[in-house]
């Protein structure tokens, strides 16, 4: 609503579109297979941002008191995709050390 004076006002319709970031991973879960005690294994997956909004991401490993799991990258930044073509991608390695 725009008020020009006490008696004159004008309504102007405004449309807005909110673009929320989206993150996609190439794997739904990671299976390290059978591991012997003391043996370390790793698996890689990639994450990408197919949305039109940049994003900051972070990996948190829960219930990791014995530090059996680790990742080479803990956080990062993925640029927004241009014209719905995702060129912003990050490869992440996750390590498991059987204890």
C-alpha atoms as a PDB file:
ATOM      1  CA  UNK A   1       0.000   0.000   0.000  1.00  0.00           C
ATOM      2  CA  UNK A   2       1.411   3.364  -1.021  1.00  0.00           C
ATOM      3  CA  UNK A   3      -0.030   6.482   0.662  1.00  0.00           C
ATOM      4  CA  UNK A   4       0.342   9.700  -1.345  1.00  0.00           C
ATOM      5  CA  UNK A   5      -1.564  11.851   1.113  1.00  0.00           C
ATOM      6  CA  UNK A   6      -4.090  11.294   3.896  1.00  0.00           C
ATOM      7  CA  UNK A   7      -6.875  10.673   1.379  1.00  0.00           C
ATOM      8  CA  UNK A   8      -5.072   9.041  -1.558  1.00  0.00           C
ATOM      9  CA  UNK A   9      -3.541   5.576  -1.476  1.00  0.00           C
ATOM     10  CA  UNK A  10      -2.731   2.970  -4.086  1.00  0.00           C
ATOM     11  CA  UNK A  11      -2.343  -0.806  -3.847  1.00  0.00           C
ATOM     12  CA  UNK A  12       0.303  -2.451  -5.980  1.00  0.00           C
ATOM     13  CA  UNK A  13       0.271  -6.264  -6.210  1.00  0.00           C
ATOM     14  CA  UNK A  14       3.652  -7.897  -5.647  1.00  0.00           C
ATOM     15  CA  UNK A  15       4.547 -11.478  -6.509  1.00  0.00           C
ATOM     16  CA  UNK A  16       7.553 -13.170  -4.975  1.00  0.00           C
ATOM     17  CA  UNK A  17       9.138 -16.565  -5.422  1.00  0.00           C
ATOM     18  CA  UNK A  18      11.347 -17.995  -2.706  1.00  0.00           C
ATOM     19  CA  UNK A  19      14.175 -20.195  -3.907  1.00  0.00           C
ATOM     20  CA  UNK A  20      15.338 -22.538  -1.169  1.00  0.00           C
ATOM     21  CA  UNK A  21      18.610 -24.419  -1.539  1.00  0.00           C
ATOM     22  CA  UNK A  22      18.503 -28.169  -2.084  1.00  0.00           C
ATOM     23  CA  UNK A  23      21.210 -30.747  -1.519  1.00  0.00           C
ATOM     24  CA  UNK A  24      21.391 -34.135  -3.251  1.00  0.00           C
ATOM     25  CA  UNK A  25      23.743 -37.016  -2.480  1.00  0.00           C
ATOM     26  CA  UNK A  26      24.700 -39.842  -4.839  1.00  0.00           C
ATOM     27  CA  UNK A  27      24.214 -42.429  -2.059  1.00  0.00           C
ATOM     28  CA  UNK A  28      21.359 -42.913   0.397  1.00  0.00           C
ATOM     29  CA  UNK A  29      23.581 -44.897   2.769  1.00  0.00           C
ATOM     30  CA  UNK A  30      27.173 -46.141   3.010  1.00  0.00           C
ATOM     31  CA  UNK A  31      27.987 -49.848   3.412  1.00  0.00           C
ATOM     32  CA  UNK A  32      31.569 -50.598   4.419  1.00  0.00           C
ATOM     33  CA  UNK A  33      31.047 -54.357   4.160  1.00  0.00           C
ATOM     34  CA  UNK A  34      32.775 -56.756   6.539  1.00  0.00           C
ATOM     35  CA  UNK A  35      35.705 -55.133   8.363  1.00  0.00           C
ATOM     36  CA  UNK A  36      38.231 -56.755  10.670  1.00  0.00           C
ATOM     37  CA  UNK A  37      39.319 -54.972  13.856  1.00  0.00           C
ATOM     38  CA  UNK A  38      41.988 -52.404  13.004  1.00  0.00           C
ATOM     39  CA  UNK A  39      41.069 -52.384   9.331  1.00  0.00           C
ATOM     40  CA  UNK A  40      40.207 -49.047   7.735  1.00  0.00           C
ATOM     41  CA  UNK A  41      37.800 -48.724   4.834  1.00  0.00           C
ATOM     42  CA  UNK A  42      36.490 -45.721   2.976  1.00  0.00           C
ATOM     43  CA  UNK A  43      33.668 -44.930   0.598  1.00  0.00           C
ATOM     44  CA  UNK A  44      33.143 -41.869  -1.550  1.00  0.00           C
ATOM     45  CA  UNK A  45      29.988 -40.074  -2.504  1.00  0.00           C
ATOM     46  CA  UNK A  46      29.268 -36.726  -4.046  1.00  0.00           C
ATOM     47  CA  UNK A  47      26.871 -33.994  -3.083  1.00  0.00           C
ATOM     48  CA  UNK A  48      25.469 -31.403  -5.443  1.00  0.00           C
ATOM     49  CA  UNK A  49      23.179 -28.415  -5.408  1.00  0.00           C
ATOM     50  CA  UNK A  50      20.562 -28.533  -8.189  1.00  0.00           C
ATOM     51  CA  UNK A  51      18.717 -25.451  -6.896  1.00  0.00           C
ATOM     52  CA  UNK A  52      18.973 -21.799  -7.890  1.00  0.00           C
ATOM     53  CA  UNK A  53      20.219 -20.825  -4.428  1.00  0.00           C
ATOM     54  CA  UNK A  54      23.729 -21.330  -3.052  1.00  0.00           C
ATOM     55  CA  UNK A  55      24.145 -23.322   0.143  1.00  0.00           C
ATOM     56  CA  UNK A  56      26.565 -24.023   2.972  1.00  0.00           C
ATOM     57  CA  UNK A  57      26.724 -27.648   4.113  1.00  0.00           C
ATOM     58  CA  UNK A  58      28.237 -29.501   7.088  1.00  0.00           C
ATOM     59  CA  UNK A  59      28.770 -33.164   7.975  1.00  0.00           C
ATOM     60  CA  UNK A  60      28.121 -34.204  11.555  1.00  0.00           C
ATOM     61  CA  UNK A  61      28.863 -37.771  12.637  1.00  0.00           C
ATOM     62  CA  UNK A  62      26.614 -38.674  15.567  1.00  0.00           C
ATOM     63  CA  UNK A  63      27.369 -41.256  18.275  1.00  0.00           C
ATOM     64  CA  UNK A  64      31.054 -41.388  17.323  1.00  0.00           C
ATOM     65  CA  UNK A  65      32.586 -41.647  20.819  1.00  0.00           C
ATOM     66  CA  UNK A  66      35.311 -44.074  19.699  1.00  0.00           C
ATOM     67  CA  UNK A  67      36.087 -42.006  16.568  1.00  0.00           C
ATOM     68  CA  UNK A  68      35.494 -44.989  14.279  1.00  0.00           C
ATOM     69  CA  UNK A  69      34.096 -42.716  11.540  1.00  0.00           C
ATOM     70  CA  UNK A  70      35.645 -39.691   9.887  1.00  0.00           C
ATOM     71  CA  UNK A  71      35.355 -37.681   6.684  1.00  0.00           C
ATOM     72  CA  UNK A  72      37.981 -35.848   4.681  1.00  0.00           C
ATOM     73  CA  UNK A  73      35.784 -32.770   4.326  1.00  0.00           C
ATOM     74  CA  UNK A  74      33.590 -31.533   7.173  1.00  0.00           C
ATOM     75  CA  UNK A  75      31.846 -28.585   5.492  1.00  0.00           C
ATOM     76  CA  UNK A  76      31.716 -26.572   2.324  1.00  0.00           C
ATOM     77  CA  UNK A  77      29.899 -24.220  -0.007  1.00  0.00           C
ATOM     78  CA  UNK A  78      27.984 -25.206  -3.145  1.00  0.00           C
ATOM     79  CA  UNK A  79      27.173 -22.539  -5.711  1.00  0.00           C
ATOM     80  CA  UNK A  80      23.690 -22.178  -7.137  1.00  0.00           C
ATOM     81  CA  UNK A  81      22.926 -24.010 -10.366  1.00  0.00           C
ATOM     82  CA  UNK A  82      22.516 -21.972 -13.507  1.00  0.00           C
ATOM     83  CA  UNK A  83      19.517 -22.776 -15.688  1.00  0.00           C
ATOM     84  CA  UNK A  84      18.865 -25.926 -13.602  1.00  0.00           C
ATOM     85  CA  UNK A  85      22.186 -27.442 -14.676  1.00  0.00           C
ATOM     86  CA  UNK A  86      24.145 -28.411 -11.590  1.00  0.00           C
ATOM     87  CA  UNK A  87      27.841 -27.743 -11.977  1.00  0.00           C
ATOM     88  CA  UNK A  88      28.476 -27.311  -8.252  1.00  0.00           C
ATOM     89  CA  UNK A  89      29.530 -30.662  -6.810  1.00  0.00           C
ATOM     90  CA  UNK A  90      31.759 -31.910  -3.976  1.00  0.00           C
ATOM     91  CA  UNK A  91      33.216 -35.399  -3.562  1.00  0.00           C
ATOM     92  CA  UNK A  92      33.359 -36.550   0.070  1.00  0.00           C
ATOM     93  CA  UNK A  93      35.278 -39.535   1.453  1.00  0.00           C
ATOM     94  CA  UNK A  94      33.967 -41.187   4.610  1.00  0.00           C
ATOM     95  CA  UNK A  95      36.338 -43.436   6.571  1.00  0.00           C
ATOM     96  CA  UNK A  96      35.536 -46.308   8.940  1.00  0.00           C
ATOM     97  CA  UNK A  97      38.149 -47.823  11.257  1.00  0.00           C
ATOM     98  CA  UNK A  98      36.848 -51.015  12.906  1.00  0.00           C
ATOM     99  CA  UNK A  99      37.641 -51.027  16.627  1.00  0.00           C
END
